[in-house]
């Protein structure tokens, strides 16, 4: 009875957490560079000095789906999509690094290349600054070329994006949606990472799969609540038998 109650109760809680993750994935189905989040549950025995009759369900692991999303042409000179594996490095307010696949970039009022939420993009020597009134293009190696107005054929390389490719198992997703190294610090630049200027990477969320998962989790939660109801009915029946005897 104890095992039934604990497993069903904690399983229902875990199922609700999974439903929340699925809902979060669906809500970000159109977010540029988003990576789907997956949860896996398992049963764990409660360690007590008494009889080991109880077990509960825990969220064993949170797995990020690192499958690449679809490439979408935007035509904007500041947009960039990572082709294959790799990440763009951005600078946090405390000076640390974080990593993203969202290459929808823009210029700040001071000419600093930054993400849409105002985080500076890191280059070879820190944040990348773009000269005013220059037309830029981003090469597949992350180099940023600027064409000065009125000087045809004069192209200057003003910076290069820091592109990294740390092991996926060493990354952890933050509450802000950005990824960081589990042990902290900064990942080294990887010369093999390639990007496509004028493109954006779409979310890798498969809406159909997530909807099917949501239906399955709904049925699973219903089954777990029924198990709790069954345990309650069995307990009431046993109490009646004991009271009669």
Protein backbone atom coordinates (compact mmCIF):
# COMPACT_ATOMS: atom_id res chain seq x y z
CA UNK A 1 0.00 0.00 0.00
CA UNK A 2 2.78 2.42 0.96
CA UNK A 3 4.67 1.72 -2.27
CA UNK A 4 1.52 2.30 -4.30
CA UNK A 5 0.73 5.62 -2.60
CA UNK A 6 4.26 7.03 -2.69
CA UNK A 7 4.92 6.00 -6.27
CA UNK A 8 1.58 7.31 -7.53
CA UNK A 9 1.79 10.54 -5.53
CA UNK A 10 5.34 11.48 -6.51
CA UNK A 11 4.77 10.18 -10.03
CA UNK A 12 1.83 12.54 -10.43
CA UNK A 13 4.00 15.42 -9.25
CA UNK A 14 6.72 14.45 -11.72
CA UNK A 15 4.16 14.20 -14.50
CA UNK A 16 3.01 17.75 -13.78
CA UNK A 17 6.65 18.90 -13.99
CA UNK A 18 6.94 17.15 -17.35
CA UNK A 19 3.76 18.83 -18.52
CA UNK A 20 5.29 22.17 -17.57
CA UNK A 21 8.39 21.39 -19.63
CA UNK A 22 6.29 20.37 -22.63
CA UNK A 23 4.22 23.55 -22.34
CA UNK A 24 7.44 25.57 -22.17
CA UNK A 25 8.73 23.86 -25.31
CA UNK A 26 5.52 24.54 -27.22
CA UNK A 27 5.55 28.18 -26.09
CA UNK A 28 9.05 28.49 -27.61
CA UNK A 29 8.28 26.71 -30.86
CA UNK A 30 8.96 29.96 -32.74
CA UNK A 31 11.84 31.24 -30.57
CA UNK A 32 15.04 31.66 -32.55
CA UNK A 33 17.71 29.10 -31.65
CA UNK A 34 15.66 27.50 -28.86
CA UNK A 35 16.61 24.01 -27.64
CA UNK A 36 13.86 21.69 -26.43
CA UNK A 37 14.01 20.44 -22.84
CA UNK A 38 13.23 16.84 -21.88
CA UNK A 39 12.60 15.33 -18.43
CA UNK A 40 13.12 11.70 -17.42
CA UNK A 41 11.60 10.11 -14.29
CA UNK A 42 12.62 7.04 -12.30
CA UNK A 43 11.50 5.29 -9.11
CA UNK A 44 13.79 5.49 -6.05
CA UNK A 45 13.52 3.45 -2.85
CA UNK A 46 13.11 5.44 0.36
CA UNK A 47 16.06 4.68 2.64
CA UNK A 48 14.75 4.12 6.18
CA UNK A 49 15.64 1.93 9.16
CA UNK A 50 12.17 0.39 9.01
CA UNK A 51 10.84 -1.92 6.33
CA UNK A 52 11.74 -0.69 2.87
CA UNK A 53 8.23 -0.72 1.46
CA UNK A 54 8.08 2.82 0.14
CA UNK A 55 9.33 4.26 -3.12
CA UNK A 56 8.95 7.62 -4.75
CA UNK A 57 9.48 9.05 -8.20
CA UNK A 58 12.16 11.65 -8.90
CA UNK A 59 13.07 13.75 -11.89
CA UNK A 60 16.23 11.78 -12.68
CA UNK A 61 17.60 14.08 -15.35
CA UNK A 62 16.82 17.13 -17.41
CA UNK A 63 18.08 16.59 -20.95
CA UNK A 64 18.50 19.27 -23.58
CA UNK A 65 17.83 18.39 -27.20
CA UNK A 66 20.80 19.79 -29.13
CA UNK A 67 19.44 18.88 -32.55
CA UNK A 68 19.88 21.76 -34.99
CA UNK A 69 16.80 23.75 -35.95
CA UNK A 70 15.80 24.79 -39.48
CA UNK A 71 17.75 27.57 -41.21
CA UNK A 72 15.59 30.56 -42.13
CA UNK A 73 16.72 33.33 -44.48
CA UNK A 74 16.15 36.83 -43.09
CA UNK A 75 18.41 38.98 -45.25
CA UNK A 76 19.35 41.23 -42.31
CA UNK A 77 23.09 41.96 -42.21
CA UNK A 78 23.26 41.53 -38.42
CA UNK A 79 21.52 38.15 -38.37
CA UNK A 80 23.70 35.06 -38.11
CA UNK A 81 22.98 31.36 -37.71
CA UNK A 82 25.43 28.75 -36.46
CA UNK A 83 25.77 26.02 -39.09
CA UNK A 84 26.04 22.65 -37.36
CA UNK A 85 27.44 22.41 -33.86
CA UNK A 86 28.67 25.47 -32.00
CA UNK A 87 27.56 28.53 -30.07
CA UNK A 88 27.79 32.31 -30.07
CA UNK A 89 29.45 33.78 -26.97
CA UNK A 90 27.79 36.72 -25.19
CA UNK A 91 28.92 38.78 -22.22
CA UNK A 92 26.89 38.88 -19.02
CA UNK A 93 26.64 41.95 -16.72
CA UNK A 94 29.14 40.37 -14.30
CA UNK A 95 31.69 39.89 -17.10
CA UNK A 96 31.20 36.14 -17.43
CA UNK A 97 30.40 34.33 -20.67
CA UNK A 98 27.21 32.60 -21.73
CA UNK A 99 26.32 30.85 -24.96
CA UNK A 100 23.37 31.04 -27.31
CA UNK A 101 22.21 29.94 -30.75
CA UNK A 102 19.97 32.98 -31.14
CA UNK A 103 21.80 35.05 -33.74
CA UNK A 104 19.21 37.81 -34.09
CA UNK A 105 21.63 40.66 -33.38
CA UNK A 106 21.47 44.43 -33.44
CA UNK A 107 23.60 47.50 -32.74
CA UNK A 108 23.39 49.41 -29.49
CA UNK A 109 23.36 53.21 -29.40
CA UNK A 110 27.14 53.05 -28.90
CA UNK A 111 27.69 50.80 -31.92
CA UNK A 112 28.24 47.59 -29.92
CA UNK A 113 26.94 44.39 -31.50
CA UNK A 114 24.49 42.81 -29.07
CA UNK A 115 21.60 40.39 -28.73
CA UNK A 116 18.00 41.59 -28.76
CA UNK A 117 17.95 41.59 -24.96
CA UNK A 118 21.02 43.84 -24.75
CA UNK A 119 23.86 41.38 -24.09
CA UNK A 120 27.09 42.28 -25.95
CA UNK A 121 28.39 39.70 -28.42
CA UNK A 122 31.96 38.68 -27.67
CA UNK A 123 34.65 38.86 -30.35
CA UNK A 124 38.37 38.16 -30.36
CA UNK A 125 39.14 40.82 -27.76
CA UNK A 126 35.83 41.44 -26.03
CA UNK A 127 32.58 43.03 -27.24
CA UNK A 128 32.44 43.80 -30.97
CA UNK A 129 32.13 47.46 -32.00
CA UNK A 130 30.92 48.45 -35.47
CA UNK A 131 31.96 51.79 -37.03
CA UNK A 132 29.01 54.12 -37.61
CA UNK A 133 27.33 54.26 -41.01
CA UNK A 134 29.17 51.19 -42.30
CA UNK A 135 27.59 48.35 -44.21
CA UNK A 136 28.65 45.06 -42.70
CA UNK A 137 28.69 41.43 -43.72
CA UNK A 138 29.46 38.37 -41.63
CA UNK A 139 31.62 35.65 -43.15
CA UNK A 140 31.20 31.94 -42.54
CA UNK A 141 34.17 32.00 -40.13
CA UNK A 142 32.53 34.73 -38.03
CA UNK A 143 34.64 37.57 -39.39
CA UNK A 144 32.83 40.91 -39.62
CA UNK A 145 33.66 43.06 -42.63
CA UNK A 146 32.67 46.72 -42.87
CA UNK A 147 32.29 48.72 -46.09
CA UNK A 148 32.82 52.41 -45.60
CA UNK A 149 30.34 54.67 -47.39
CA UNK A 150 31.77 56.49 -50.39
CA UNK A 151 34.84 54.22 -50.60
CA UNK A 152 34.01 51.51 -53.09
CA UNK A 153 36.10 48.40 -52.73
CA UNK A 154 37.53 49.42 -49.36
CA UNK A 155 36.52 46.66 -46.94
CA UNK A 156 37.89 46.44 -43.41
CA UNK A 157 37.64 43.49 -41.06
CA UNK A 158 36.47 45.11 -37.81
CA UNK A 159 36.14 42.01 -35.68
CA UNK A 160 35.36 38.33 -35.46
CA UNK A 161 32.69 36.57 -33.50
CA UNK A 162 33.87 34.24 -30.77
CA UNK A 163 32.47 30.85 -31.77
CA UNK A 164 32.78 27.98 -29.31
CA UNK A 165 31.92 24.30 -29.33
CA UNK A 166 32.29 22.84 -25.82
CA UNK A 167 31.12 19.27 -25.13
CA UNK A 168 27.36 19.24 -24.88
CA UNK A 169 27.44 17.29 -21.62
CA UNK A 170 29.43 20.12 -20.02
CA UNK A 171 26.69 22.71 -20.68
CA UNK A 172 23.87 23.69 -18.38
CA UNK A 173 20.86 25.83 -19.23
CA UNK A 174 20.23 28.88 -17.04
CA UNK A 175 16.91 30.42 -16.06
CA UNK A 176 17.52 33.09 -18.69
CA UNK A 177 17.63 30.45 -21.45
CA UNK A 178 21.38 30.86 -22.03
CA UNK A 179 23.86 28.02 -21.66
CA UNK A 180 27.00 28.03 -19.51
CA UNK A 181 29.77 25.63 -18.58
CA UNK A 182 28.86 23.55 -15.54
CA UNK A 183 32.23 24.23 -13.93
CA UNK A 184 32.12 27.93 -14.81
CA UNK A 185 34.74 29.78 -16.79
CA UNK A 186 34.88 30.41 -20.52
CA UNK A 187 35.09 27.94 -23.38
CA UNK A 188 37.94 28.37 -25.89
CA UNK A 189 37.20 29.60 -29.40
CA UNK A 190 36.81 26.86 -31.99
CA UNK A 191 38.11 27.62 -35.48
CA UNK A 192 35.98 24.86 -37.00
CA UNK A 193 32.59 26.40 -36.11
CA UNK A 194 30.88 27.99 -39.11
CA UNK A 195 28.05 30.50 -39.39
CA UNK A 196 25.74 31.80 -42.11
CA UNK A 197 25.22 35.54 -42.31
CA UNK A 198 21.72 36.75 -43.13
CA UNK A 199 20.14 33.60 -41.70
CA UNK A 200 18.52 32.65 -38.41
CA UNK A 201 18.15 29.22 -36.86
CA UNK A 202 14.61 28.30 -35.90
CA UNK A 203 13.55 26.41 -32.79
CA UNK A 204 14.15 22.65 -32.84
CA UNK A 205 10.82 21.98 -31.10
CA UNK A 206 8.60 19.55 -33.01
CA UNK A 207 5.12 20.82 -32.13
CA UNK A 208 3.36 17.62 -33.23
CA UNK A 209 5.61 15.43 -31.05
CA UNK A 210 5.15 17.78 -28.10
CA UNK A 211 1.36 17.72 -28.47
CA UNK A 212 1.39 13.90 -28.55
CA UNK A 213 3.61 13.95 -25.45
CA UNK A 214 1.20 16.31 -23.70
CA UNK A 215 -1.76 13.98 -24.39
CA UNK A 216 0.26 10.99 -23.17
CA UNK A 217 1.24 12.80 -19.97
CA UNK A 218 -2.38 13.80 -19.39
CA UNK A 219 -3.46 10.16 -19.53
CA UNK A 220 -0.55 9.16 -17.31
CA UNK A 221 -1.56 11.73 -14.69
CA UNK A 222 -5.14 10.46 -14.80
CA UNK A 223 -3.91 6.89 -14.22
CA UNK A 224 -1.80 7.99 -11.25
CA UNK A 225 -4.70 9.83 -9.61
CA UNK A 226 -6.87 6.74 -10.08
CA UNK A 227 -4.20 4.69 -8.32
CA UNK A 228 -4.43 7.07 -5.37
CA UNK A 229 -8.21 6.72 -5.36
CA UNK A 230 -7.87 2.93 -5.45
CA UNK A 231 -5.44 3.01 -2.54
CA UNK A 232 -7.89 5.16 -0.57
CA UNK A 233 -10.76 2.76 -1.32
CA UNK A 234 -8.66 -0.23 -0.27
CA UNK A 235 -7.72 1.53 2.96
CA UNK A 236 -11.36 2.28 3.76
CA UNK A 237 -12.37 -1.33 3.02
CA UNK A 238 -9.59 -2.66 5.25
CA UNK A 239 -10.61 -0.29 8.06
CA UNK A 240 -14.21 -1.56 7.87
CA UNK A 241 -13.04 -5.19 8.07
CA UNK A 242 -10.89 -4.44 11.10
CA UNK A 243 -13.67 -2.50 12.83
CA UNK A 244 -16.11 -5.42 12.38
CA UNK A 245 -13.62 -7.94 13.71
